Amino acid sequence: MLGRGVIANPALIDEINGTGTLTKERWKQFHDEVYEGYQEIMSGEKNTLFKMKELWFYMGHLFEDSDKFLKKIKKANRLKDYEIAVAQLLRERELKR
């Protein structure tokens, strides 16, 4: 179960150890690394989108009032639409504390 927690919060281990907390920059770095990795190994846009949308089940709760943005992410049919929705979320919402 720790794996799902780390997917939702990449700084979870640091928070448990008292050595750090999650920041938007750290979350974005984690997201982008996973996103780029999926793009490299998956065949086609749809497969990458499907995998990333699955991760949002765990990551979505990290942001305040994110329902509108999560809906846009789930409705995205192209990587460009997905990227725009994620960028809007990061720009307009803060991480929950």
PDB file of N, CA and C in Angstrom:
ATOM      1  N   MET A   1       0.816  -1.201   0.000  1.00  0.00           N
ATOM      2  CA  MET A   1       0.000   0.000   0.000  1.00  0.00           C
ATOM      3  C   MET A   1       0.859   1.266   0.000  1.00  0.00           C
ATOM      4  N   LEU A   2       2.083   1.173   0.411  1.00  0.00           N
ATOM      5  CA  LEU A   2       2.959   2.337   0.414  1.00  0.00           C
ATOM      6  C   LEU A   2       3.185   2.849  -1.005  1.00  0.00           C
ATOM      7  N   GLY A   3       3.225   1.945  -1.979  1.00  0.00           N
ATOM      8  CA  GLY A   3       3.438   2.333  -3.372  1.00  0.00           C
ATOM      9  C   GLY A   3       2.386   3.302  -3.864  1.00  0.00           C
ATOM     10  N   ARG A   4       1.136   3.050  -3.548  1.00  0.00           N
ATOM     11  CA  ARG A   4       0.060   3.958  -3.957  1.00  0.00           C
ATOM     12  C   ARG A   4       0.207   5.304  -3.273  1.00  0.00           C
ATOM     13  N   GLY A   5       0.629   5.286  -2.039  1.00  0.00           N
ATOM     14  CA  GLY A   5       0.850   6.539  -1.314  1.00  0.00           C
ATOM     15  C   GLY A   5       1.954   7.365  -1.935  1.00  0.00           C
ATOM     16  N   VAL A   6       2.999   6.697  -2.387  1.00  0.00           N
ATOM     17  CA  VAL A   6       4.115   7.402  -3.021  1.00  0.00           C
ATOM     18  C   VAL A   6       3.698   7.930  -4.393  1.00  0.00           C
ATOM     19  N   ILE A   7       2.841   7.207  -5.090  1.00  0.00           N
ATOM     20  CA  ILE A   7       2.329   7.720  -6.364  1.00  0.00           C
ATOM     21  C   ILE A   7       1.525   8.991  -6.119  1.00  0.00           C
ATOM     22  N   ALA A   8       0.714   8.975  -5.095  1.00  0.00           N
ATOM     23  CA  ALA A   8      -0.105  10.144  -4.784  1.00  0.00           C
ATOM     24  C   ALA A   8       0.731  11.296  -4.246  1.00  0.00           C
ATOM     25  N   ASN A   9       1.771  10.972  -3.490  1.00  0.00           N
ATOM     26  CA  ASN A   9       2.617  11.999  -2.871  1.00  0.00           C
ATOM     27  C   ASN A   9       4.069  11.552  -2.959  1.00  0.00           C
ATOM     28  N   PRO A  10       4.808  12.023  -3.963  1.00  0.00           N
ATOM     29  CA  PRO A  10       6.190  11.589  -4.145  1.00  0.00           C
ATOM     30  C   PRO A  10       7.121  11.953  -2.977  1.00  0.00           C
ATOM     31  N   ALA A  11       6.689  12.817  -2.088  1.00  0.00           N
ATOM     32  CA  ALA A  11       7.506  13.195  -0.941  1.00  0.00           C
ATOM     33  C   ALA A  11       7.087  12.455   0.329  1.00  0.00           C
ATOM     34  N   LEU A  12       6.280  11.425   0.198  1.00  0.00           N
ATOM     35  CA  LEU A  12       5.741  10.719   1.360  1.00  0.00           C
ATOM     36  C   LEU A  12       6.841  10.180   2.271  1.00  0.00           C
ATOM     37  N   ILE A  13       7.833   9.557   1.702  1.00  0.00           N
ATOM     38  CA  ILE A  13       8.922   8.992   2.523  1.00  0.00           C
ATOM     39  C   ILE A  13       9.644  10.102   3.285  1.00  0.00           C
ATOM     40  N   ASP A  14       9.914  11.225   2.620  1.00  0.00           N
ATOM     41  CA  ASP A  14      10.553  12.354   3.303  1.00  0.00           C
ATOM     42  C   ASP A  14       9.670  12.898   4.421  1.00  0.00           C
ATOM     43  N   GLU A  15       8.354  12.935   4.187  1.00  0.00           N
ATOM     44  CA  GLU A  15       7.442  13.423   5.220  1.00  0.00           C
ATOM     45  C   GLU A  15       7.414  12.479   6.412  1.00  0.00           C
ATOM     46  N   ILE A  16       7.450  11.193   6.155  1.00  0.00           N
ATOM     47  CA  ILE A  16       7.477  10.211   7.242  1.00  0.00           C
ATOM     48  C   ILE A  16       8.750  10.371   8.058  1.00  0.00           C
ATOM     49  N   ASN A  17       9.867  10.587   7.363  1.00  0.00           N
ATOM     50  CA  ASN A  17      11.170  10.738   8.038  1.00  0.00           C
ATOM     51  C   ASN A  17      11.379  12.134   8.613  1.00  0.00           C
ATOM     52  N   GLY A  18      10.482  13.069   8.289  1.00  0.00           N
ATOM     53  CA  GLY A  18      10.611  14.433   8.790  1.00  0.00           C
ATOM     54  C   GLY A  18      11.696  15.226   8.085  1.00  0.00           C
ATOM     55  N   THR A  19      12.033  14.845   6.852  1.00  0.00           N
ATOM     56  CA  THR A  19      13.123  15.517   6.137  1.00  0.00           C
ATOM     57  C   THR A  19      12.657  16.379   4.967  1.00  0.00           C
ATOM     58  N   GLY A  20      11.355  16.495   4.753  1.00  0.00           N
ATOM     59  CA  GLY A  20      10.876  17.330   3.649  1.00  0.00           C
ATOM     60  C   GLY A  20       9.379  17.221   3.473  1.00  0.00           C
ATOM     61  N   THR A  21       8.875  18.095   2.637  1.00  0.00           N
ATOM     62  CA  THR A  21       7.444  18.092   2.319  1.00  0.00           C
ATOM     63  C   THR A  21       7.272  18.218   0.807  1.00  0.00           C
ATOM     64  N   LEU A  22       6.082  17.922   0.358  1.00  0.00           N
ATOM     65  CA  LEU A  22       5.786  17.998  -1.064  1.00  0.00           C
ATOM     66  C   LEU A  22       5.598  19.449  -1.483  1.00  0.00           C
ATOM     67  N   THR A  23       6.233  19.814  -2.577  1.00  0.00           N
ATOM     68  CA  THR A  23       6.055  21.124  -3.189  1.00  0.00           C
ATOM     69  C   THR A  23       5.506  20.917  -4.594  1.00  0.00           C
ATOM     70  N   LYS A  24       4.963  21.969  -5.165  1.00  0.00           N
ATOM     71  CA  LYS A  24       4.469  21.871  -6.539  1.00  0.00           C
ATOM     72  C   LYS A  24       5.591  21.494  -7.501  1.00  0.00           C
ATOM     73  N   GLU A  25       6.763  22.065  -7.259  1.00  0.00           N
ATOM     74  CA  GLU A  25       7.894  21.793  -8.140  1.00  0.00           C
ATOM     75  C   GLU A  25       8.286  20.316  -8.084  1.00  0.00           C
ATOM     76  N   ARG A  26       8.314  19.777  -6.895  1.00  0.00           N
ATOM     77  CA  ARG A  26       8.674  18.364  -6.744  1.00  0.00           C
ATOM     78  C   ARG A  26       7.593  17.469  -7.364  1.00  0.00           C
ATOM     79  N   TRP A  27       6.333  17.819  -7.139  1.00  0.00           N
ATOM     80  CA  TRP A  27       5.266  17.034  -7.723  1.00  0.00           C
ATOM     81  C   TRP A  27       5.337  17.076  -9.246  1.00  0.00           C
ATOM     82  N   LYS A  28       5.561  18.279  -9.803  1.00  0.00           N
ATOM     83  CA  LYS A  28       5.639  18.433 -11.260  1.00  0.00           C
ATOM     84  C   LYS A  28       6.804  17.623 -11.828  1.00  0.00           C
ATOM     85  N   GLN A  29       7.917  17.632 -11.139  1.00  0.00           N
ATOM     86  CA  GLN A  29       9.076  16.855 -11.587  1.00  0.00           C
ATOM     87  C   GLN A  29       8.718  15.366 -11.644  1.00  0.00           C
ATOM     88  N   PHE A  30       8.052  14.870 -10.610  1.00  0.00           N
ATOM     89  CA  PHE A  30       7.627  13.471 -10.575  1.00  0.00           C
ATOM     90  C   PHE A  30       6.640  13.187 -11.709  1.00  0.00           C
ATOM     91  N   HIS A  31       5.628  14.027 -11.841  1.00  0.00           N
ATOM     92  CA  HIS A  31       4.617  13.859 -12.895  1.00  0.00           C
ATOM     93  C   HIS A  31       5.274  13.824 -14.267  1.00  0.00           C
ATOM     94  N   ASP A  32       6.135  14.791 -14.529  1.00  0.00           N
ATOM     95  CA  ASP A  32       6.762  14.886 -15.843  1.00  0.00           C
ATOM     96  C   ASP A  32       7.646  13.683 -16.142  1.00  0.00           C
ATOM     97  N   GLU A  33       8.325  13.184 -15.130  1.00  0.00           N
ATOM     98  CA  GLU A  33       9.174  12.003 -15.321  1.00  0.00           C
ATOM     99  C   GLU A  33       8.327  10.776 -15.673  1.00  0.00           C
ATOM    100  N   VAL A  34       7.232  10.586 -14.971  1.00  0.00           N
ATOM    101  CA  VAL A  34       6.335   9.471 -15.270  1.00  0.00           C
ATOM    102  C   VAL A  34       5.715   9.649 -16.651  1.00  0.00           C
ATOM    103  N   TYR A  35       5.255  10.849 -16.940  1.00  0.00           N
ATOM    104  CA  TYR A  35       4.612  11.157 -18.227  1.00  0.00           C
ATOM    105  C   TYR A  35       5.567  10.893 -19.396  1.00  0.00           C
ATOM    106  N   GLU A  36       6.776  11.382 -19.288  1.00  0.00           N
ATOM    107  CA  GLU A  36       7.762  11.173 -20.351  1.00  0.00           C
ATOM    108  C   GLU A  36       8.122   9.698 -20.488  1.00  0.00           C
ATOM    109  N   GLY A  37       8.216   9.008 -19.365  1.00  0.00           N
ATOM    110  CA  GLY A  37       8.507   7.580 -19.401  1.00  0.00           C
ATOM    111  C   GLY A  37       7.418   6.795 -20.116  1.00  0.00           C
ATOM    112  N   TYR A  38       6.169   7.121 -19.814  1.00  0.00           N
ATOM    113  CA  TYR A  38       5.057   6.455 -20.497  1.00  0.00           C
ATOM    114  C   TYR A  38       5.073   6.761 -21.995  1.00  0.00           C
ATOM    115  N   GLN A  39       5.390   7.994 -22.366  1.00  0.00           N
ATOM    116  CA  GLN A  39       5.432   8.345 -23.781  1.00  0.00           C
ATOM    117  C   GLN A  39       6.514   7.545 -24.516  1.00  0.00           C
ATOM    118  N   GLU A  40       7.613   7.264 -23.830  1.00  0.00           N
ATOM    119  CA  GLU A  40       8.699   6.510 -24.451  1.00  0.00           C
ATOM    120  C   GLU A  40       8.355   5.037 -24.640  1.00  0.00           C
ATOM    121  N   ILE A  41       7.652   4.437 -23.659  1.00  0.00           N
ATOM    122  CA  ILE A  41       7.449   2.990 -23.729  1.00  0.00           C
ATOM    123  C   ILE A  41       6.084   2.568 -24.262  1.00  0.00           C
ATOM    124  N   MET A  42       5.116   3.469 -24.237  1.00  0.00           N
ATOM    125  CA  MET A  42       3.774   3.116 -24.701  1.00  0.00           C
ATOM    126  C   MET A  42       3.655   3.404 -26.195  1.00  0.00           C
ATOM    127  N   SER A  43       2.839   2.606 -26.855  1.00  0.00           N
ATOM    128  CA  SER A  43       2.605   2.860 -28.274  1.00  0.00           C
ATOM    129  C   SER A  43       1.316   3.658 -28.433  1.00  0.00           C
ATOM    130  N   GLY A  44       1.451   4.878 -28.883  1.00  0.00           N
ATOM    131  CA  GLY A  44       0.288   5.703 -29.161  1.00  0.00           C
ATOM    132  C   GLY A  44      -0.134   6.609 -28.017  1.00  0.00           C
ATOM    133  N   GLU A  45      -0.788   7.677 -28.421  1.00  0.00           N
ATOM    134  CA  GLU A  45      -1.289   8.686 -27.492  1.00  0.00           C
ATOM    135  C   GLU A  45      -2.309   8.133 -26.511  1.00  0.00           C
ATOM    136  N   LYS A  46      -3.218   7.327 -27.002  1.00  0.00           N
ATOM    137  CA  LYS A  46      -4.316   6.815 -26.169  1.00  0.00           C
ATOM    138  C   LYS A  46      -3.801   5.993 -24.992  1.00  0.00           C
ATOM    139  N   ASN A  47      -2.796   5.169 -25.230  1.00  0.00           N
ATOM    140  CA  ASN A  47      -2.261   4.339 -24.147  1.00  0.00           C
ATOM    141  C   ASN A  47      -1.593   5.186 -23.073  1.00  0.00           C
ATOM    142  N   THR A  48      -0.858   6.200 -23.494  1.00  0.00           N
ATOM    143  CA  THR A  48      -0.225   7.103 -22.535  1.00  0.00           C
ATOM    144  C   THR A  48      -1.293   7.839 -21.730  1.00  0.00           C
ATOM    145  N   LEU A  49      -2.306   8.355 -22.418  1.00  0.00           N
ATOM    146  CA  LEU A  49      -3.395   9.053 -21.729  1.00  0.00           C
ATOM    147  C   LEU A  49      -4.090   8.147 -20.722  1.00  0.00           C
ATOM    148  N   PHE A  50      -4.362   6.922 -21.115  1.00  0.00           N
ATOM    149  CA  PHE A  50      -5.039   5.983 -20.224  1.00  0.00           C
ATOM    150  C   PHE A  50      -4.231   5.773 -18.946  1.00  0.00           C
ATOM    151  N   LYS A  51      -2.931   5.568 -19.092  1.00  0.00           N
ATOM    152  CA  LYS A  51      -2.074   5.343 -17.911  1.00  0.00           C
ATOM    153  C   LYS A  51      -2.029   6.577 -17.015  1.00  0.00           C
ATOM    154  N   MET A  52      -1.905   7.751 -17.624  1.00  0.00           N
ATOM    155  CA  MET A  52      -1.829   8.966 -16.820  1.00  0.00           C
ATOM    156  C   MET A  52      -3.151   9.243 -16.113  1.00  0.00           C
ATOM    157  N   LYS A  53      -4.249   8.988 -16.779  1.00  0.00           N
ATOM    158  CA  LYS A  53      -5.552   9.201 -16.145  1.00  0.00           C
ATOM    159  C   LYS A  53      -5.744   8.265 -14.959  1.00  0.00           C
ATOM    160  N   GLU A  54      -5.209   7.057 -15.046  1.00  0.00           N
ATOM    161  CA  GLU A  54      -5.273   6.129 -13.904  1.00  0.00           C
ATOM    162  C   GLU A  54      -4.544   6.709 -12.702  1.00  0.00           C
ATOM    163  N   LEU A  55      -3.409   7.344 -12.928  1.00  0.00           N
ATOM    164  CA  LEU A  55      -2.634   7.915 -11.828  1.00  0.00           C
ATOM    165  C   LEU A  55      -3.360   9.060 -11.136  1.00  0.00           C
ATOM    166  N   TRP A  56      -4.198   9.765 -11.869  1.00  0.00           N
ATOM    167  CA  TRP A  56      -4.923  10.886 -11.279  1.00  0.00           C
ATOM    168  C   TRP A  56      -5.926  10.438 -10.229  1.00  0.00           C
ATOM    169  N   PHE A  57      -6.309   9.176 -10.233  1.00  0.00           N
ATOM    170  CA  PHE A  57      -7.152   8.647  -9.168  1.00  0.00           C
ATOM    171  C   PHE A  57      -6.448   8.839  -7.823  1.00  0.00           C
ATOM    172  N   TYR A  58      -5.133   8.676  -7.820  1.00  0.00           N
ATOM    173  CA  TYR A  58      -4.341   8.823  -6.600  1.00  0.00           C
ATOM    174  C   TYR A  58      -3.843  10.258  -6.399  1.00  0.00           C
ATOM    175  N   MET A  59      -3.504  10.946  -7.473  1.00  0.00           N
ATOM    176  CA  MET A  59      -2.891  12.267  -7.357  1.00  0.00           C
ATOM    177  C   MET A  59      -3.908  13.395  -7.218  1.00  0.00           C
ATOM    178  N   GLY A  60      -5.126  13.189  -7.648  1.00  0.00           N
ATOM    179  CA  GLY A  60      -6.114  14.253  -7.701  1.00  0.00           C
ATOM    180  C   GLY A  60      -6.440  14.898  -6.372  1.00  0.00           C
ATOM    181  N   HIS A  61      -6.356  14.143  -5.306  1.00  0.00           N
ATOM    182  CA  HIS A  61      -6.730  14.689  -3.994  1.00  0.00           C
ATOM    183  C   HIS A  61      -5.681  15.634  -3.418  1.00  0.00           C
ATOM    184  N   LEU A  62      -4.531  15.742  -4.042  1.00  0.00           N
ATOM    185  CA  LEU A  62      -3.456  16.591  -3.521  1.00  0.00           C
ATOM    186  C   LEU A  62      -3.740  18.085  -3.665  1.00  0.00           C
ATOM    187  N   PHE A  63      -4.626  18.438  -4.584  1.00  0.00           N
ATOM    188  CA  PHE A  63      -4.854  19.838  -4.900  1.00  0.00           C
ATOM    189  C   PHE A  63      -6.205  20.309  -4.376  1.00  0.00           C
ATOM    190  N   GLU A  64      -6.234  21.558  -3.923  1.00  0.00           N
ATOM    191  CA  GLU A  64      -7.457  22.154  -3.403  1.00  0.00           C
ATOM    192  C   GLU A  64      -8.452  22.408  -4.539  1.00  0.00           C
ATOM    193  N   ASP A  65      -9.703  22.118  -4.302  1.00  0.00           N
ATOM    194  CA  ASP A  65     -10.789  22.389  -5.260  1.00  0.00           C
ATOM    195  C   ASP A  65     -10.413  21.996  -6.688  1.00  0.00           C
ATOM    196  N   SER A  66     -10.005  20.767  -6.865  1.00  0.00           N
ATOM    197  CA  SER A  66      -9.471  20.329  -8.155  1.00  0.00           C
ATOM    198  C   SER A  66     -10.496  19.645  -9.048  1.00  0.00           C
ATOM    199  N   ASP A  67     -11.741  19.540  -8.618  1.00  0.00           N
ATOM    200  CA  ASP A  67     -12.746  18.779  -9.377  1.00  0.00           C
ATOM    201  C   ASP A  67     -12.883  19.231 -10.824  1.00  0.00           C
ATOM    202  N   LYS A  68     -12.948  20.533 -11.051  1.00  0.00           N
ATOM    203  CA  LYS A  68     -13.108  21.072 -12.403  1.00  0.00           C
ATOM    204  C   LYS A  68     -11.923  20.650 -13.291  1.00  0.00           C
ATOM    205  N   PHE A  69     -10.733  20.695 -12.738  1.00  0.00           N
ATOM    206  CA  PHE A  69      -9.540  20.358 -13.500  1.00  0.00           C
ATOM    207  C   PHE A  69      -9.423  18.852 -13.721  1.00  0.00           C
ATOM    208  N   LEU A  70      -9.814  18.085 -12.715  1.00  0.00           N
ATOM    209  CA  LEU A  70      -9.788  16.630 -12.858  1.00  0.00           C
ATOM    210  C   LEU A  70     -10.752  16.179 -13.942  1.00  0.00           C
ATOM    211  N   LYS A  71     -11.885  16.876 -14.049  1.00  0.00           N
ATOM    212  CA  LYS A  71     -12.850  16.555 -15.099  1.00  0.00           C
ATOM    213  C   LYS A  71     -12.237  16.814 -16.477  1.00  0.00           C
ATOM    214  N   LYS A  72     -11.514  17.930 -16.614  1.00  0.00           N
ATOM    215  CA  LYS A  72     -10.849  18.241 -17.884  1.00  0.00           C
ATOM    216  C   LYS A  72      -9.787  17.192 -18.216  1.00  0.00           C
ATOM    217  N   ILE A  73      -9.055  16.766 -17.200  1.00  0.00           N
ATOM    218  CA  ILE A  73      -8.019  15.753 -17.411  1.00  0.00           C
ATOM    219  C   ILE A  73      -8.666  14.455 -17.879  1.00  0.00           C
ATOM    220  N   LYS A  74      -9.744  14.052 -17.226  1.00  0.00           N
ATOM    221  CA  LYS A  74     -10.417  12.804 -17.598  1.00  0.00           C
ATOM    222  C   LYS A  74     -11.039  12.864 -18.985  1.00  0.00           C
ATOM    223  N   LYS A  75     -11.456  14.058 -19.413  1.00  0.00           N
ATOM    224  CA  LYS A  75     -12.083  14.207 -20.727  1.00  0.00           C
ATOM    225  C   LYS A  75     -11.069  14.355 -21.860  1.00  0.00           C
ATOM    226  N   ALA A  76      -9.816  14.593 -21.537  1.00  0.00           N
ATOM    227  CA  ALA A  76      -8.795  14.819 -22.567  1.00  0.00           C
ATOM    228  C   ALA A  76      -8.685  13.601 -23.483  1.00  0.00           C
ATOM    229  N   ASN A  77      -8.689  13.858 -24.779  1.00  0.00           N
ATOM    230  CA  ASN A  77      -8.550  12.796 -25.772  1.00  0.00           C
ATOM    231  C   ASN A  77      -7.228  12.870 -26.520  1.00  0.00           C
ATOM    232  N   ARG A  78      -6.499  13.943 -26.285  1.00  0.00           N
ATOM    233  CA  ARG A  78      -5.190  14.115 -26.910  1.00  0.00           C
ATOM    234  C   ARG A  78      -4.197  14.535 -25.841  1.00  0.00           C
ATOM    235  N   LEU A  79      -2.931  14.237 -26.055  1.00  0.00           N
ATOM    236  CA  LEU A  79      -1.899  14.596 -25.085  1.00  0.00           C
ATOM    237  C   LEU A  79      -1.840  16.108 -24.885  1.00  0.00           C
ATOM    238  N   LYS A  80      -2.040  16.869 -25.936  1.00  0.00           N
ATOM    239  CA  LYS A  80      -1.992  18.325 -25.830  1.00  0.00           C
ATOM    240  C   LYS A  80      -3.088  18.839 -24.889  1.00  0.00           C
ATOM    241  N   ASP A  81      -4.290  18.289 -25.012  1.00  0.00           N
ATOM    242  CA  ASP A  81      -5.396  18.680 -24.120  1.00  0.00           C
ATOM    243  C   ASP A  81      -5.078  18.308 -22.673  1.00  0.00           C
ATOM    244  N   TYR A  82      -4.493  17.140 -22.495  1.00  0.00           N
ATOM    245  CA  TYR A  82      -4.087  16.689 -21.158  1.00  0.00           C
ATOM    246  C   TYR A  82      -3.061  17.656 -20.566  1.00  0.00           C
ATOM    247  N   GLU A  83      -2.060  17.995 -21.356  1.00  0.00           N
ATOM    248  CA  GLU A  83      -1.002  18.895 -20.885  1.00  0.00           C
ATOM    249  C   GLU A  83      -1.561  20.258 -20.488  1.00  0.00           C
ATOM    250  N   ILE A  84      -2.503  20.765 -21.267  1.00  0.00           N
ATOM    251  CA  ILE A  84      -3.123  22.059 -20.968  1.00  0.00           C
ATOM    252  C   ILE A  84      -3.896  21.979 -19.646  1.00  0.00           C
ATOM    253  N   ALA A  85      -4.654  20.912 -19.447  1.00  0.00           N
ATOM    254  CA  ALA A  85      -5.443  20.753 -18.212  1.00  0.00           C
ATOM    255  C   ALA A  85      -4.537  20.650 -16.987  1.00  0.00           C
ATOM    256  N   VAL A  86      -3.449  19.904 -17.102  1.00  0.00           N
ATOM    257  CA  VAL A  86      -2.515  19.767 -15.975  1.00  0.00           C
ATOM    258  C   VAL A  86      -1.835  21.108 -15.690  1.00  0.00           C
ATOM    259  N   ALA A  87      -1.436  21.823 -16.731  1.00  0.00           N
ATOM    260  CA  ALA A  87      -0.795  23.131 -16.548  1.00  0.00           C
ATOM    261  C   ALA A  87      -1.741  24.111 -15.862  1.00  0.00           C
ATOM    262  N   GLN A  88      -3.019  24.097 -16.257  1.00  0.00           N
ATOM    263  CA  GLN A  88      -4.014  24.969 -15.613  1.00  0.00           C
ATOM    264  C   GLN A  88      -4.161  24.627 -14.136  1.00  0.00           C
ATOM    265  N   LEU A  89      -4.232  23.351 -13.841  1.00  0.00           N
ATOM    266  CA  LEU A  89      -4.355  22.918 -12.451  1.00  0.00           C
ATOM    267  C   LEU A  89      -3.175  23.419 -11.632  1.00  0.00           C
ATOM    268  N   LEU A  90      -1.984  23.244 -12.139  1.00  0.00           N
ATOM    269  CA  LEU A  90      -0.793  23.674 -11.408  1.00  0.00           C
ATOM    270  C   LEU A  90      -0.749  25.189 -11.233  1.00  0.00           C
ATOM    271  N   ARG A  91      -1.223  25.898 -12.233  1.00  0.00           N
ATOM    272  CA  ARG A  91      -1.188  27.354 -12.187  1.00  0.00           C
ATOM    273  C   ARG A  91      -2.233  27.922 -11.234  1.00  0.00           C
ATOM    274  N   GLU A  92      -3.403  27.288 -11.190  1.00  0.00           N
ATOM    275  CA  GLU A  92      -4.542  27.885 -10.487  1.00  0.00           C
ATOM    276  C   GLU A  92      -4.859  27.276  -9.129  1.00  0.00           C
ATOM    277  N   ARG A  93      -4.297  26.154  -8.786  1.00  0.00           N
ATOM    278  CA  ARG A  93      -4.603  25.505  -7.511  1.00  0.00           C
ATOM    279  C   ARG A  93      -3.345  25.230  -6.709  1.00  0.00           C
ATOM    280  N   GLU A  94      -3.513  25.284  -5.409  1.00  0.00           N
ATOM    281  CA  GLU A  94      -2.408  24.997  -4.486  1.00  0.00           C
ATOM    282  C   GLU A  94      -2.535  23.572  -3.949  1.00  0.00           C
ATOM    283  N   LEU A  95      -1.428  23.064  -3.477  1.00  0.00           N
ATOM    284  CA  LEU A  95      -1.438  21.756  -2.821  1.00  0.00           C
ATOM    285  C   LEU A  95      -2.149  21.886  -1.479  1.00  0.00           C
ATOM    286  N   LYS A  96      -2.868  20.848  -1.106  1.00  0.00           N
ATOM    287  CA  LYS A  96      -3.490  20.829   0.224  1.00  0.00           C
ATOM    288  C   LYS A  96      -2.393  20.679   1.263  1.00  0.00           C
ATOM    289  N   ARG A  97      -2.582  21.271   2.375  1.00  0.00           N
ATOM    290  CA  ARG A  97      -1.606  21.164   3.481  1.00  0.00           C
ATOM    291  C   ARG A  97      -2.159  20.344   4.594  1.00  0.00           C
TER     292      ARG A  97
END
